[in-house]
Amino acid sequence: MRPSPLTALAPTPRAAVEQLRRSAAVPAGPGDHFHGWGVMGLTFASGHVLGLRRWEASSLGTPYASVWHRDPGGRWRVISDVAADLSCARYISALTSESQVLPIALTWEADDALEVRVDGIGLRWRLTFASHPLFVGYAGFAALAPAAAVRSAPARWMLERVGAPLLGAGRIRLAGRMPNGQRYRLLPERMWLVATSEATLHGRALGVPEPPMRPVRLGEFIVPERGILAMARASFDCP
């Protein structure tokens, strides 16, 4: 399915999210499918790593939000607002030390500013986002090109091997295998850079966003070295 031009070309992150919430849909067929948005991942000077997923449509039945957290010791945990077998834990639990079901509050404080709160673990995470000409061009391509062209290996290669390094995001992988063995494919529709971010955990600041000393991986998924907010579709081929 091709992203609608309205969703792809919405002028602000909040507007894009609101449009996506109204239009999100997943295809029928084998495998797990999702349509939504999130922060692909962000690394901090303290060694903590955070990620956010908000799937507005899910073939598993229930839209949900999920926060991924890795501490400086390398221990991952996933917090979702639905049961583990209906959430991201389904794909990464082999790598996590725990999975928790807790309320997750997502509040747009401005058109380009988001607050993420998980009171159950004492997390407060604020982010602002900025556009980039590369992302604007890609959004137009994704909205107007044939769906097969957007899903093609050359289009994915351009984002992985050319776009991400140009943005200082290092290497990313939009297709590969998750820790639990499923093969995944991500199809971005619209993206923004994380301009600023600050987070506290139990009142303690996690420090400034900073690229990691070595790539942070979950299976074959690589956390970008620079924060990216993405509207995207995701598919998982379940073994």
Protein backbone atom coordinates (compact mmCIF):
# COMPACT_ATOMS: atom_id res chain seq x y z
CA MET A 1 0.00 0.00 0.00
CA ARG A 2 1.23 3.48 -0.86
CA PRO A 3 1.15 6.27 1.76
CA SER A 4 -1.45 8.91 1.03
CA PRO A 5 -0.06 12.25 -0.27
CA LEU A 6 -1.77 14.03 2.63
CA THR A 7 -0.01 11.92 5.24
CA ALA A 8 3.31 12.05 3.43
CA LEU A 9 3.32 15.82 2.94
CA ALA A 10 1.75 17.02 6.20
CA PRO A 11 3.71 20.14 7.23
CA THR A 12 4.50 19.24 10.84
CA PRO A 13 5.09 16.04 12.82
CA ARG A 14 1.94 16.54 14.88
CA ALA A 15 -0.18 17.11 11.77
CA ALA A 16 1.28 14.00 10.14
CA VAL A 17 0.56 11.93 13.24
CA GLU A 18 -3.03 13.19 13.41
CA GLN A 19 -3.61 12.35 9.75
CA LEU A 20 -1.97 8.96 10.14
CA ARG A 21 -4.17 8.16 13.15
CA ARG A 22 -7.25 8.67 10.95
CA SER A 23 -5.96 6.76 7.92
CA ALA A 24 -3.72 3.99 9.30
CA ALA A 25 -4.43 0.54 7.87
CA VAL A 26 -2.65 -2.78 7.47
CA PRO A 27 -2.93 -5.34 4.66
CA ALA A 28 -4.48 -8.76 5.01
CA GLY A 29 -2.28 -11.81 4.52
CA PRO A 30 0.42 -13.80 6.30
CA GLY A 31 2.81 -12.26 8.77
CA ASP A 32 2.41 -9.36 11.19
CA HIS A 33 1.81 -5.85 9.83
CA PHE A 34 1.84 -2.41 11.46
CA HIS A 35 1.31 1.19 10.40
CA GLY A 36 2.35 4.02 12.68
CA TRP A 37 5.20 6.22 13.85
CA GLY A 38 8.03 6.42 16.33
CA VAL A 39 11.57 7.41 17.19
CA MET A 40 13.79 4.73 15.65
CA GLY A 41 16.21 5.05 18.56
CA LEU A 42 18.31 7.60 20.39
CA THR A 43 21.58 7.10 22.27
CA PHE A 44 22.64 9.32 25.17
CA ALA A 45 26.04 10.31 26.58
CA SER A 46 25.25 8.30 29.75
CA GLY A 47 25.06 5.08 27.73
CA HIS A 48 21.28 4.82 27.92
CA VAL A 49 19.32 4.17 24.72
CA LEU A 50 15.63 4.94 24.15
CA GLY A 51 13.24 4.07 21.34
CA LEU A 52 9.55 4.73 20.79
CA ARG A 53 6.92 2.97 18.70
CA ARG A 54 3.29 4.00 18.32
CA TRP A 55 1.47 1.65 15.93
CA GLU A 56 -1.87 3.19 14.98
CA ALA A 57 -2.95 0.00 13.17
CA SER A 58 -1.86 -3.55 13.95
CA SER A 59 -2.72 -6.87 12.35
CA LEU A 60 -2.48 -8.34 15.86
CA GLY A 61 -5.67 -6.42 16.64
CA THR A 62 -4.79 -3.65 19.08
CA PRO A 63 -2.98 -0.36 18.35
CA TYR A 64 -0.32 0.22 20.96
CA ALA A 65 2.63 2.27 22.17
CA SER A 66 5.97 0.79 23.20
CA VAL A 67 9.16 2.22 24.73
CA TRP A 68 12.46 0.39 24.33
CA HIS A 69 15.19 1.10 26.90
CA ARG A 70 18.76 -0.11 27.18
CA ASP A 71 20.77 0.78 30.27
CA PRO A 72 24.53 1.51 30.24
CA GLY A 73 25.22 -2.11 31.16
CA GLY A 74 23.62 -3.28 27.91
CA ARG A 75 20.40 -4.66 29.43
CA TRP A 76 17.29 -4.10 27.32
CA ARG A 77 13.71 -3.91 28.48
CA VAL A 78 10.50 -3.17 26.59
CA ILE A 79 7.50 -1.38 28.07
CA SER A 80 4.18 -1.56 26.21
CA ASP A 81 0.59 -0.60 26.96
CA VAL A 82 -0.73 -3.96 25.69
CA ALA A 83 0.17 -7.56 26.47
CA ALA A 84 3.64 -8.75 25.45
CA ASP A 85 2.42 -11.16 22.78
CA LEU A 86 0.62 -8.26 21.04
CA SER A 87 3.55 -5.84 21.21
CA CYS A 88 7.21 -5.34 20.32
CA ALA A 89 8.22 -7.92 22.94
CA ARG A 90 7.00 -10.49 20.41
CA TYR A 91 10.09 -9.69 18.30
CA ILE A 92 12.82 -8.69 20.78
CA SER A 93 12.13 -10.57 24.03
CA ALA A 94 15.10 -12.89 23.42
CA LEU A 95 17.33 -9.87 24.02
CA THR A 96 15.45 -8.21 26.88
CA SER A 97 15.78 -8.68 30.60
CA GLU A 98 12.11 -7.84 31.19
CA SER A 99 8.86 -6.84 29.49
CA GLN A 100 6.37 -4.67 31.33
CA VAL A 101 2.80 -3.58 30.61
CA LEU A 102 2.35 0.01 31.77
CA PRO A 103 0.50 3.15 30.66
CA ILE A 104 2.49 5.28 28.19
CA ALA A 105 1.50 8.94 27.76
CA LEU A 106 2.35 10.70 24.48
CA THR A 107 1.67 14.44 24.52
CA TRP A 108 2.32 16.88 21.68
CA GLU A 109 3.38 20.09 23.44
CA ALA A 110 3.76 21.92 20.11
CA ASP A 111 3.62 21.05 16.41
CA ASP A 112 7.23 19.84 16.60
CA ALA A 113 7.57 18.92 20.29
CA LEU A 114 6.62 15.63 21.98
CA GLU A 115 6.68 14.46 25.58
CA VAL A 116 6.81 10.75 26.41
CA ARG A 117 5.99 9.72 29.97
CA VAL A 118 6.06 6.29 31.57
CA ASP A 119 5.37 6.97 35.22
CA GLY A 120 5.67 3.28 36.08
CA ILE A 121 9.43 3.38 35.43
CA GLY A 122 9.96 7.07 36.23
CA LEU A 123 10.67 8.06 32.61
CA ARG A 124 10.10 11.55 31.25
CA TRP A 125 11.40 12.12 27.71
CA ARG A 126 11.03 15.34 25.72
CA LEU A 127 11.93 15.74 22.05
CA THR A 128 11.73 18.37 19.34
CA PHE A 129 11.92 17.62 15.63
CA ALA A 130 13.20 19.38 12.52
CA SER A 131 12.70 18.80 8.82
CA HIS A 132 15.51 18.17 6.33
CA PRO A 133 15.54 18.62 2.52
CA LEU A 134 16.50 14.97 2.05
CA PHE A 135 13.42 13.84 3.98
CA VAL A 136 11.13 16.28 2.15
CA GLY A 137 12.32 14.88 -1.17
CA TYR A 138 11.87 11.31 -0.02
CA ALA A 139 8.33 12.04 1.23
CA GLY A 140 7.35 13.36 -2.17
CA PHE A 141 8.82 10.29 -3.85
CA ALA A 142 7.04 7.94 -1.43
CA ALA A 143 3.71 9.70 -1.99
CA LEU A 144 3.81 9.86 -5.78
CA ALA A 145 5.91 6.91 -6.98
CA PRO A 146 4.41 3.48 -7.68
CA ALA A 147 4.22 1.42 -4.49
CA ALA A 148 6.58 -1.20 -5.95
CA ALA A 149 9.26 1.46 -6.49
CA VAL A 150 8.99 2.63 -2.88
CA ARG A 151 9.33 -0.96 -1.60
CA SER A 152 12.18 -1.81 -3.95
CA ALA A 153 15.69 -2.76 -2.87
CA PRO A 154 17.26 0.28 -4.65
CA ALA A 155 15.00 2.69 -2.73
CA ARG A 156 15.87 0.98 0.56
CA TRP A 157 19.56 0.99 -0.35
CA MET A 158 19.48 4.74 -0.97
CA LEU A 159 18.10 5.38 2.51
CA GLU A 160 20.37 2.86 4.25
CA ARG A 161 23.69 3.51 2.54
CA VAL A 162 23.41 7.09 1.25
CA GLY A 163 20.72 9.01 3.15
CA ALA A 164 21.55 7.91 6.70
CA PRO A 165 25.32 8.61 6.46
CA LEU A 166 24.63 12.04 4.90
CA LEU A 167 22.51 12.86 7.95
CA GLY A 168 25.15 11.67 10.39
CA ALA A 169 22.93 8.72 11.36
CA GLY A 170 25.54 6.09 10.53
CA ARG A 171 24.38 2.83 9.05
CA ILE A 172 20.79 1.67 9.36
CA ARG A 173 19.04 -1.52 8.24
CA LEU A 174 15.45 -1.32 7.01
CA ALA A 175 15.27 -5.09 6.48
CA GLY A 176 16.79 -8.02 8.34
CA ARG A 177 16.12 -10.38 11.22
CA MET A 178 14.89 -9.57 14.73
CA PRO A 179 16.32 -11.14 17.92
CA ASN A 180 13.40 -13.59 18.10
CA GLY A 181 14.03 -14.78 14.53
CA GLN A 182 11.37 -12.96 12.51
CA ARG A 183 12.43 -11.20 9.34
CA TYR A 184 11.39 -7.54 9.34
CA ARG A 185 10.97 -4.86 6.70
CA LEU A 186 10.45 -1.16 7.41
CA LEU A 187 8.93 1.15 4.81
CA PRO A 188 9.32 4.81 5.88
CA GLU A 189 6.74 7.25 4.54
CA ARG A 190 7.85 10.51 6.14
CA MET A 191 10.74 11.40 8.45
CA TRP A 192 12.10 14.19 10.64
CA LEU A 193 15.36 14.56 12.55
CA VAL A 194 15.40 14.74 16.33
CA ALA A 195 16.55 18.33 16.90
CA THR A 196 16.77 18.26 20.71
CA SER A 197 16.09 15.66 23.36
CA GLU A 198 16.29 15.45 27.12
CA ALA A 199 15.25 12.56 29.30
CA THR A 200 15.17 11.71 32.99
CA LEU A 201 14.81 8.31 34.64
CA HIS A 202 13.68 8.44 38.27
CA GLY A 203 14.67 12.11 38.22
CA ARG A 204 18.20 11.50 36.96
CA ALA A 205 19.15 13.10 33.63
CA LEU A 206 20.38 10.73 30.93
CA GLY A 207 22.66 13.36 29.36
CA VAL A 208 22.80 14.82 25.88
CA PRO A 209 22.12 12.73 22.76
CA GLU A 210 25.44 11.36 21.52
CA PRO A 211 26.46 8.74 18.93
CA PRO A 212 27.54 5.46 20.53
CA MET A 213 31.12 4.22 20.52
CA ARG A 214 29.96 1.14 18.55
CA PRO A 215 26.70 0.35 16.74
CA VAL A 216 23.73 -0.53 18.96
CA ARG A 217 21.91 -3.55 17.55
CA LEU A 218 18.76 -5.54 18.21
CA GLY A 219 19.28 -8.56 16.02
CA GLU A 220 20.08 -7.05 12.62
CA PHE A 221 18.25 -3.80 13.36
CA ILE A 222 20.75 -0.99 13.98
CA VAL A 223 19.80 2.03 16.09
CA PRO A 224 20.61 5.19 14.08
CA GLU A 225 23.49 7.26 15.41
CA ARG A 226 21.24 10.31 15.10
CA GLY A 227 17.61 10.38 16.22
CA ILE A 228 14.97 10.00 13.49
CA LEU A 229 11.20 10.30 13.84
CA ALA A 230 9.54 8.16 11.17
CA MET A 231 6.03 7.54 9.90
CA ALA A 232 6.31 3.99 8.59
CA ARG A 233 4.87 0.61 7.79
CA ALA A 234 6.46 -2.51 9.26
CA SER A 235 6.07 -6.14 8.28
CA PHE A 236 7.35 -9.27 10.04
CA ASP A 237 7.54 -12.71 8.48
CA CYS A 238 7.00 -15.06 11.39
CA PRO A 239 8.88 -18.41 11.37
